[in-house]
Protein backbone atom coordinates (compact mmCIF):
# COMPACT_ATOMS: atom_id res chain seq x y z
CA MET A 1 -45.27 -72.18 12.76
CA ALA A 2 -43.18 -68.89 13.73
CA GLY A 3 -44.83 -67.39 16.24
CA GLU A 4 -46.81 -70.25 17.55
CA LEU A 5 -47.01 -71.53 20.90
CA PHE A 6 -45.56 -74.45 22.17
CA MET A 7 -46.52 -76.14 25.63
CA SER A 8 -44.66 -78.96 26.77
CA GLY A 9 -44.88 -81.40 29.93
CA LEU A 10 -48.72 -81.48 29.83
CA THR A 11 -48.85 -85.33 29.76
CA GLY A 12 -46.69 -85.35 32.77
CA GLN A 13 -44.67 -88.50 30.81
CA PHE A 14 -42.87 -87.03 27.92
CA ASP A 15 -40.43 -83.83 28.61
CA ALA A 16 -40.55 -82.51 24.97
CA ALA A 17 -38.58 -79.44 26.08
CA GLY A 18 -35.92 -81.34 27.62
CA PHE A 19 -35.46 -83.75 24.51
CA VAL A 20 -35.25 -80.66 22.42
CA GLU A 21 -32.77 -79.19 24.84
CA ARG A 22 -30.62 -81.83 24.61
CA ILE A 23 -30.72 -81.97 20.90
CA MET A 24 -29.96 -78.44 20.29
CA GLN A 25 -26.86 -78.78 22.86
CA MET A 26 -25.63 -81.57 20.46
CA LYS A 27 -26.70 -79.25 17.42
CA SER A 28 -24.95 -76.53 18.94
CA ILE A 29 -21.29 -78.09 19.43
CA PRO A 30 -20.12 -76.45 16.06
CA LEU A 31 -21.58 -73.11 17.07
CA GLN A 32 -19.39 -73.14 19.74
CA LYS A 33 -16.22 -74.33 18.05
CA ILE A 34 -17.23 -71.35 15.77
CA ASN A 35 -17.09 -68.77 18.75
CA GLN A 36 -14.18 -70.48 20.28
CA GLU A 37 -12.28 -69.67 17.06
CA ILE A 38 -13.25 -66.46 16.67
CA ALA A 39 -11.91 -65.56 20.45
CA LEU A 40 -8.89 -66.92 19.76
CA SER A 41 -8.27 -64.77 16.14
CA GLN A 42 -9.77 -61.85 17.94
CA ALA A 43 -7.30 -62.22 20.83
CA LYS A 44 -4.59 -62.97 17.97
CA ALA A 45 -5.27 -59.66 15.87
CA SER A 46 -5.32 -57.41 19.12
CA SER A 47 -1.71 -58.81 20.04
CA LEU A 48 -0.62 -58.25 16.24
CA ALA A 49 -2.40 -54.46 17.17
CA ASN A 50 0.10 -54.59 20.06
CA PHE A 51 2.77 -55.54 18.33
CA ALA A 52 2.92 -53.73 15.46
CA GLY A 53 2.97 -50.51 17.80
CA ALA A 54 5.87 -51.82 19.52
CA VAL A 55 7.76 -52.24 16.07
CA ASN A 56 6.39 -49.04 14.83
CA ASP A 57 7.49 -47.51 18.47
CA PHE A 58 10.72 -48.74 17.67
CA LEU A 59 11.21 -47.64 13.99
CA SER A 60 10.11 -44.08 14.62
CA LEU A 61 13.75 -44.03 16.19
CA PHE A 62 15.14 -44.12 12.70
CA ASP A 63 12.04 -42.63 11.02
CA ASN A 64 13.31 -39.09 10.13
CA LEU A 65 16.60 -39.27 12.04
CA ASN A 66 19.50 -37.03 11.23
CA VAL A 67 22.73 -38.46 12.28
CA ASP A 68 24.44 -35.13 11.84
CA ASP A 69 22.23 -33.40 13.96
CA LEU A 70 23.05 -35.84 17.14
CA PHE A 71 26.55 -34.34 16.70
CA LYS A 72 25.85 -30.67 16.82
CA GLY A 73 24.75 -30.10 20.39
CA LYS A 74 26.39 -27.52 22.35
CA LYS A 75 26.01 -26.98 26.04
CA ALA A 76 26.87 -24.14 28.07
CA THR A 77 28.27 -24.34 31.71
CA SER A 78 28.51 -21.85 34.45
CA SER A 79 30.71 -22.29 37.61
CA ASP A 80 28.22 -20.57 39.69
CA LYS A 81 24.61 -20.72 38.75
CA ASP A 82 23.66 -18.31 41.24
CA VAL A 83 25.14 -15.62 39.13
CA LEU A 84 24.47 -16.45 35.96
CA PRO A 85 23.18 -19.75 33.91
CA ALA A 86 24.21 -19.57 30.23
CA THR A 87 22.69 -21.20 27.22
CA ALA A 88 24.29 -22.27 23.89
CA THR A 89 22.91 -23.72 20.47
CA GLN A 90 25.15 -25.58 17.92
CA ASP A 91 26.55 -22.33 16.59
CA ALA A 92 28.49 -21.56 19.67
CA PRO A 93 32.22 -22.03 19.34
CA ASN A 94 33.84 -24.15 22.26
CA ILE A 95 35.47 -21.46 24.73
CA SER A 96 35.65 -20.77 27.99
CA PHE A 97 35.91 -17.10 29.58
CA ASN A 98 35.16 -15.12 32.64
CA VAL A 99 32.27 -12.89 33.36
CA THR A 100 31.42 -10.28 35.71
CA VAL A 101 27.97 -9.11 36.69
CA ASN A 102 28.28 -5.54 37.24
CA SER A 103 24.64 -4.86 37.83
CA LEU A 104 21.15 -6.38 37.01
CA ALA A 105 18.09 -4.47 35.25
CA GLN A 106 16.09 -2.47 36.94
CA THR A 107 12.45 -1.27 35.76
CA GLU A 108 11.29 2.36 36.32
CA ILE A 109 8.49 2.82 38.60
CA ARG A 110 6.79 6.44 38.77
CA VAL A 111 3.91 7.63 40.66
CA SER A 112 1.87 10.52 40.82
CA ASN A 113 2.65 13.53 42.92
CA GLY A 114 -0.87 13.96 44.14
CA GLY A 115 -3.57 11.54 44.98
CA PHE A 116 -7.06 10.64 46.65
CA ASN A 117 -7.70 10.18 50.33
CA SER A 118 -10.23 7.47 49.53
CA LEU A 119 -10.66 5.07 46.66
CA ASN A 120 -14.30 6.12 46.41
CA ASP A 121 -13.03 9.61 45.62
CA THR A 122 -13.79 10.92 42.51
CA PHE A 123 -12.66 13.38 39.92
CA ALA A 124 -14.17 16.49 39.40
CA SER A 125 -13.72 17.26 35.99
CA SER A 126 -13.21 15.70 32.44
CA GLY A 127 -9.98 15.75 30.33
CA SER A 128 -6.96 13.96 29.00
CA PHE A 129 -3.35 13.28 29.02
CA THR A 130 -0.46 11.68 26.89
CA LEU A 131 1.15 8.74 28.06
CA ARG A 132 4.77 8.45 26.86
CA PHE A 133 6.62 5.25 26.63
CA ASN A 134 10.43 5.96 25.40
CA LYS A 135 11.98 2.63 23.40
CA SER A 136 15.21 4.49 23.39
CA SER A 137 16.50 8.21 23.30
CA THR A 138 15.14 8.33 19.49
CA THR A 139 11.86 6.41 19.60
CA TYR A 140 8.66 6.25 21.52
CA GLU A 141 5.35 5.15 21.54
CA GLU A 142 2.32 7.54 22.83
CA PHE A 143 -1.50 6.93 23.90
CA THR A 144 -4.03 9.45 24.48
CA ILE A 145 -5.73 8.76 28.00
CA ASP A 146 -8.97 9.79 28.72
CA TYR A 147 -10.78 10.73 32.49
CA ASN A 148 -14.21 11.72 33.09
CA THR A 149 -15.92 13.21 36.22
CA GLY A 150 -17.33 10.91 38.55
CA GLU A 151 -14.41 8.46 37.62
CA THR A 152 -12.52 7.12 40.48
CA LEU A 153 -8.65 6.16 40.27
CA GLU A 154 -8.91 2.45 39.65
CA ASP A 155 -11.36 3.39 36.64
CA LEU A 156 -8.06 5.43 35.31
CA VAL A 157 -6.20 2.47 35.88
CA ASN A 158 -8.02 0.26 33.74
CA ARG A 159 -8.26 2.59 31.20
CA ILE A 160 -4.53 2.78 30.90
CA ASN A 161 -3.97 -0.64 30.94
CA SER A 162 -6.38 -1.27 28.38
CA ALA A 163 -5.03 1.38 25.91
CA GLN A 164 -1.45 0.13 25.70
CA ASP A 165 0.94 -2.90 26.66
CA TYR A 166 4.35 -1.20 27.58
CA VAL A 167 3.45 0.39 31.15
CA LYS A 168 1.66 -1.34 33.90
CA ALA A 169 -0.76 1.19 35.91
CA SER A 170 -1.89 0.29 39.22
CA VAL A 171 -2.93 2.24 42.50
CA TYR A 172 -0.43 3.00 44.96
CA PHE A 173 -0.86 3.88 48.98
CA ASP A 174 1.71 5.83 50.50
CA GLY A 175 0.21 5.50 54.13
CA SER A 176 -2.21 8.29 53.86
CA THR A 177 -2.92 8.93 49.89
CA TYR A 178 -3.95 6.72 47.09
CA LYS A 179 -1.53 7.65 43.93
CA LEU A 180 -1.60 6.43 40.50
CA MET A 181 1.47 4.47 39.86
CA LEU A 182 3.17 3.67 36.15
CA SER A 183 6.08 0.82 35.65
CA GLU A 184 7.63 -0.70 32.56
CA LYS A 185 5.87 -3.81 32.18
CA ARG A 186 8.74 -5.55 30.31
CA PRO A 187 12.35 -3.93 31.06
CA GLU A 188 13.50 -5.07 27.46
CA ASP A 189 11.14 -2.85 25.76
CA SER A 190 13.16 0.34 26.71
CA ASP A 191 17.00 0.85 27.03
CA ILE A 192 16.55 3.95 28.45
CA GLU A 193 18.16 4.64 32.17
CA THR A 194 16.45 6.91 34.29
CA ASP A 195 18.44 10.45 34.53
CA THR A 196 16.70 12.78 36.82
CA THR A 197 19.49 15.22 36.04
CA THR A 198 18.40 15.52 32.45
CA ASN A 199 14.88 14.85 32.73
CA THR A 200 15.47 11.34 31.07
CA TYR A 201 12.66 8.67 31.75
CA ALA A 202 11.35 5.63 30.16
CA ILE A 203 7.74 6.74 31.44
CA GLU A 204 6.66 10.17 30.64
CA ILE A 205 3.43 12.10 30.98
CA VAL A 206 2.95 14.90 28.35
CA GLY A 207 0.00 17.29 29.12
CA SER A 208 -1.56 17.57 32.83
CA LEU A 209 -2.61 14.81 34.75
CA PRO A 210 -6.40 15.35 36.48
CA THR A 211 -5.96 17.90 39.18
CA GLU A 212 -6.60 15.26 41.87
CA LEU A 213 -3.07 13.64 40.99
CA GLY A 214 -0.98 16.55 41.20
CA THR A 215 1.21 18.23 38.79
CA GLY A 216 3.66 15.25 37.61
CA LEU A 217 5.16 12.55 38.51
CA ASP A 218 7.91 11.59 41.02
CA THR A 219 10.23 8.64 40.41
CA LEU A 220 10.19 5.37 42.97
CA GLN A 221 12.95 3.27 41.12
CA ASN A 222 14.95 4.17 38.14
CA ALA A 223 15.12 2.09 35.30
CA LYS A 224 18.47 0.90 34.76
CA ASN A 225 20.13 -1.43 32.21
CA ALA A 226 21.98 -4.91 33.37
CA SER A 227 25.81 -4.65 32.68
CA ILE A 228 28.45 -7.72 32.36
CA THR A 229 32.26 -7.77 31.63
CA ILE A 230 33.69 -10.85 29.55
CA GLY A 231 37.13 -10.96 30.70
CA ASN A 232 39.16 -7.67 30.45
CA GLY A 233 36.62 -6.40 27.80
CA SER A 234 34.66 -3.35 28.04
CA PRO A 235 31.09 -3.61 29.68
CA ILE A 236 28.25 -4.87 27.94
CA THR A 237 24.62 -3.63 28.57
CA SER A 238 21.06 -4.86 28.01
CA PRO A 239 17.62 -3.55 29.07
CA SER A 240 16.82 -7.22 30.69
CA ASN A 241 18.75 -9.35 32.77
CA THR A 242 19.33 -11.67 29.51
CA PHE A 243 22.30 -11.13 27.19
CA GLN A 244 21.18 -12.76 23.79
CA ASP A 245 24.23 -14.13 21.33
CA VAL A 246 27.04 -12.23 23.55
CA ILE A 247 28.75 -14.95 21.85
CA SER A 248 27.49 -16.38 18.47
CA GLY A 249 24.83 -18.93 19.62
CA LEU A 250 25.65 -18.29 23.58
CA SER A 251 23.18 -16.57 25.84
CA ILE A 252 23.48 -15.35 29.27
CA THR A 253 20.90 -14.59 32.17
CA VAL A 254 22.39 -12.58 34.84
CA LYS A 255 21.27 -13.17 38.52
CA SER A 256 23.09 -11.38 40.92
CA THR A 257 26.12 -9.44 40.58
CA GLY A 258 29.67 -11.34 41.10
CA THR A 259 31.72 -13.01 38.68
CA ALA A 260 31.40 -16.38 37.28
CA THR A 261 33.52 -18.76 34.45
CA VAL A 262 31.23 -20.07 31.52
CA THR A 263 32.53 -22.90 29.50
CA VAL A 264 30.93 -24.06 26.11
CA GLU A 265 31.72 -27.57 24.87
CA ASP A 266 30.00 -30.47 22.62
CA ASP A 267 27.28 -31.75 23.87
CA ASN A 268 26.66 -35.71 23.58
CA SER A 269 23.80 -36.31 25.27
CA PRO A 270 21.80 -36.58 21.94
CA ILE A 271 24.19 -39.16 21.23
CA THR A 272 23.87 -41.10 24.43
CA LYS A 273 20.02 -40.50 24.66
CA PHE A 274 19.75 -42.28 21.03
CA PHE A 275 21.22 -45.22 22.14
CA LYS A 276 19.56 -45.77 25.34
CA ASP A 277 16.41 -45.35 23.31
CA PHE A 278 17.43 -47.93 21.13
CA VAL A 279 18.07 -50.19 23.95
CA GLU A 280 14.90 -49.51 25.83
CA LYS A 281 12.36 -49.86 22.30
CA TYR A 282 14.65 -52.99 21.04
CA ASN A 283 13.61 -54.52 24.68
CA GLY A 284 10.15 -53.51 24.16
CA VAL A 285 9.70 -55.46 20.72
CA VAL A 286 11.89 -58.58 22.29
CA ALA A 287 9.85 -58.55 25.58
CA MET A 288 6.27 -58.60 23.35
CA VAL A 289 7.91 -61.69 21.15
CA ASN A 290 8.36 -63.26 24.46
CA GLN A 291 4.76 -62.78 25.84
CA LEU A 292 3.24 -63.59 22.55
CA THR A 293 5.33 -66.61 22.29
CA ASP A 294 4.93 -67.83 26.05
CA ILE A 295 4.65 -71.57 26.45
CA ASN A 296 1.97 -71.38 29.06
CA GLU A 297 -0.17 -67.80 27.93
CA GLY A 298 1.26 -67.01 24.83
CA VAL A 299 -1.35 -67.26 21.80
CA PHE A 300 1.33 -67.31 19.27
CA ILE A 301 3.21 -70.45 20.53
CA GLY A 302 5.18 -72.12 18.13
CA ASP A 303 4.64 -69.28 15.27
CA ASN A 304 7.49 -68.58 13.47
CA THR A 305 6.06 -65.76 12.10
CA ILE A 306 6.57 -64.02 15.56
CA LYS A 307 9.46 -65.87 17.07
CA THR A 308 11.99 -64.89 13.89
CA VAL A 309 11.61 -61.29 14.98
CA LYS A 310 13.36 -61.81 17.75
CA SER A 311 16.34 -63.74 15.87
CA ASN A 312 16.91 -61.32 13.36
CA LEU A 313 17.05 -58.46 15.40
CA ALA A 314 19.76 -60.55 17.63
CA ASN A 315 21.54 -61.15 14.55
CA PHE A 316 21.83 -57.42 13.68
CA LEU A 317 23.38 -56.71 17.15
CA ASN A 318 26.76 -57.66 15.85
CA LEU A 319 27.23 -53.83 15.18
CA LEU A 320 27.25 -52.98 18.81
CA ILE A 321 28.68 -56.23 20.19
CA ASN A 322 31.82 -55.78 17.92
CA GLU A 323 32.20 -52.40 19.39
CA ASP A 324 31.62 -53.81 23.01
CA LEU A 325 28.60 -51.52 23.63
CA VAL A 326 25.72 -53.96 24.63
CA ASP A 327 25.46 -56.96 26.80
CA TYR A 328 23.19 -59.38 25.25
CA ASN A 329 20.88 -61.89 27.75
CA SER A 330 20.88 -65.07 26.07
CA ASN A 331 17.71 -66.33 28.13
CA THR A 332 15.45 -63.27 27.39
CA GLY A 333 17.08 -61.76 24.26
CA GLU A 334 16.96 -58.44 25.81
CA ILE A 335 19.99 -56.23 25.99
CA SER A 336 21.57 -53.51 27.93
CA LEU A 337 23.97 -50.32 27.34
CA LYS A 338 27.50 -50.42 28.47
CA THR A 339 27.22 -46.71 28.98
CA GLU A 340 31.01 -46.14 30.22
CA ASN A 341 32.25 -47.72 26.92
CA LEU A 342 30.00 -45.66 24.69
CA ASN A 343 31.59 -42.65 26.50
CA ASN A 344 34.54 -43.44 26.11
CA LEU A 345 33.98 -44.30 22.34
CA ILE A 346 32.09 -41.03 22.11
CA THR A 347 35.22 -39.07 23.34
CA ASN A 348 37.87 -40.87 21.42
CA ASP A 349 36.37 -41.69 17.80
CA LYS A 350 33.20 -39.87 16.88
CA ASP A 351 33.49 -40.62 13.33
CA LYS A 352 33.16 -44.39 14.39
CA VAL A 353 30.24 -43.59 16.07
CA ARG A 354 28.46 -41.53 13.70
CA ASN A 355 29.23 -44.22 11.07
CA LEU A 356 27.95 -46.57 13.64
CA ILE A 357 24.78 -44.86 14.05
CA ASN A 358 24.14 -44.67 10.28
CA ASN A 359 24.44 -48.25 9.70
CA MET A 360 22.04 -49.18 12.36
CA LYS A 361 19.52 -46.65 10.88
CA ASP A 362 20.05 -48.38 7.60
CA VAL A 363 19.98 -51.92 8.74
CA PHE A 364 17.22 -51.90 11.61
CA GLY A 365 15.32 -49.15 10.17
CA LYS A 366 15.13 -51.31 7.09
CA TYR A 367 14.07 -54.42 8.42
CA LEU A 368 11.74 -52.50 10.66
CA GLU A 369 9.88 -51.18 7.85
CA ARG A 370 9.44 -54.71 6.27
CA GLU A 371 8.75 -56.09 9.65
CA LYS A 372 5.51 -53.52 10.08
CA ARG A 373 4.04 -54.38 6.81
CA SER A 374 4.76 -58.17 7.68
CA ILE A 375 2.37 -57.51 10.64
CA ASP A 376 0.08 -55.35 9.03
CA VAL A 377 -0.61 -58.11 6.57
CA TYR A 378 -0.87 -60.85 9.38
CA LYS A 379 -3.25 -59.04 10.90
CA SER A 380 -5.92 -58.42 7.94
CA TYR A 381 -5.49 -61.87 7.53
CA PHE A 382 -6.75 -62.51 11.44
CA ASP A 383 -9.57 -59.58 10.71
CA ASP A 384 -10.63 -61.48 7.34
CA ARG A 385 -10.92 -64.69 9.27
CA ILE A 386 -13.13 -63.33 12.16
CA ARG A 387 -15.19 -61.46 9.67
CA SER A 388 -15.84 -65.06 7.92
CA LEU A 389 -16.11 -66.86 11.35
CA GLU A 390 -18.62 -64.45 12.64
CA GLU A 391 -20.70 -64.63 9.00
CA ARG A 392 -20.79 -68.38 9.66
CA ALA A 393 -21.62 -67.78 13.32
CA ARG A 394 -24.26 -66.02 12.37
CA GLU A 395 -25.78 -68.25 9.60
CA LEU A 396 -25.55 -71.36 11.59
CA ALA A 397 -27.19 -69.32 14.78
CA GLU A 398 -30.25 -68.64 12.12
CA ARG A 399 -30.11 -72.29 11.25
CA LEU A 400 -30.10 -73.24 14.13
CA THR A 401 -33.00 -71.31 15.55
CA LYS A 402 -35.28 -72.39 12.91
CA GLU A 403 -34.33 -76.23 13.57
CA GLU A 404 -35.17 -75.68 17.12
CA GLU A 405 -38.42 -74.10 16.35
CA LEU A 406 -39.23 -76.99 14.20
CA LEU A 407 -38.29 -79.56 16.88
CA ARG A 408 -40.43 -77.83 19.45
CA TYR A 409 -43.26 -78.05 17.07
CA GLN A 410 -42.76 -81.87 16.27
CA PHE A 411 -42.36 -82.68 19.69
CA SER A 412 -45.55 -80.78 20.91
CA LYS A 413 -47.41 -82.90 18.03
CA ILE A 414 -45.89 -85.96 19.99
CA GLU A 415 -46.69 -84.86 22.95
CA SER A 416 -50.45 -83.98 21.94
CA PHE A 417 -50.73 -87.49 20.15
CA ILE A 418 -49.42 -89.23 23.66
CA ALA A 419 -52.03 -87.20 25.57
CA GLU A 420 -54.93 -88.31 23.14
CA MET A 421 -53.34 -92.08 23.37
CA ASN A 422 -53.61 -91.85 27.17
CA ASP A 423 -56.89 -90.38 27.04
CA ILE A 424 -58.37 -93.29 24.76
CA ARG A 425 -56.47 -95.73 27.11
CA GLN A 426 -58.05 -94.31 30.28
CA ARG A 427 -61.96 -94.36 28.62
CA LEU A 428 -60.78 -98.10 27.31
CA GLN A 429 -60.46 -98.78 30.89
CA GLN A 430 -63.31 -97.23 32.25
CA PHE A 431 -65.21 -98.92 29.64
CA THR A 432 -63.86 -102.35 30.66
CA VAL A 433 -64.73 -102.06 33.79
CA THR A 434 -68.09 -101.05 33.24
CA LEU A 435 -68.57 -103.97 31.06
CA SER A 436 -67.32 -106.03 33.81
CA GLN A 437 -69.53 -104.80 36.72
CA MET A 438 -72.43 -104.91 34.13
CA ALA A 439 -72.00 -108.91 33.58
CA GLY A 440 -71.56 -109.04 37.18
CA GLY A 441 -74.99 -107.72 37.96
CA GLU A 442 -76.66 -109.60 35.53
CA LYS A 443 -75.64 -112.73 37.32
CA LYS A 444 -76.81 -111.99 40.68
């Protein structure tokens, strides 16, 4: 019967298609129920995936948490950040001292004492010279720079910049002449301070520049190291404006000359951040439980597997409630942090705070790990159910398709039979009329 063409409604007296459609609607009710179960199971599986994500996010707060690291933070503050800001690592001691910024670091800038009248002018000859960068009074780097007939000043600038990474070459225009300018790329690369009286420079030319650029370099700006004085001590210098580890774990960056007080103290912000993150992630899980079990829209109404997560978490809150660190909202189950009480506890008894966090990691961490596994198992149940229901739906749909084809075939036969009977009835009627007419004609 597959592939056969069924025509209905030919007699105008028997609607085979309508009968088949109504019958199939009745037969399709089980399939509709299965599809509804699939949709509900998919909604539950998706919700469980989101819920598992919230639980896992909460769990991540405790995974790999090193409680001791929360208490090692140090912070450095400056009384005048426009003069100098400071940063501290956990190695810095708690201390306060005055810093006087005597001078800022300055990069050396030198230019050729000759140049071109136009950027289009070219060198008349070829040759080479050595660019020397002095890192200190005893160490330096040298680079051979070639130049060729017909090349421009910009070609030479590009060749110098391509050859090394210590000196920045560029074109300098003094108002009438285009000259070669050389400047330190990073002041921290050299501790040399320019001294014209002793011909001490960070940047030097060994050999001769191209004739067009003159006989040597003039100095536009001297190289200078930054200098600070801590308290009444001797000046400390740095090639750059940053002084690393002037005291163990303390670094200072100078911005202008002047005086500022630097204070190093414990940084409690990592501890406070931990508690704030805890409250945020706790409330995230509770809010999702509320959503999933909502009496009007929740897909897990009355499901104790989900509802008990909220009550279990609440039971563990005694750790914080006993220290008066959180407020509990009995309507929603969410909590809020008492920041002032937390700050006071940190100030007065850090050991108690440390022990509290360790207990929280142990209690909440272990519970959330178990709950995550339970949710994964629960989700797997719905995933398996969805696959099973989809297979049943597929098999039922295939069976209904075959039954529909059979019904259409059978009803088409019935309709054909009715058509034949109607045709016979019409012929009998016509035959009867003819006989009647013939009989009437003989009487005349």
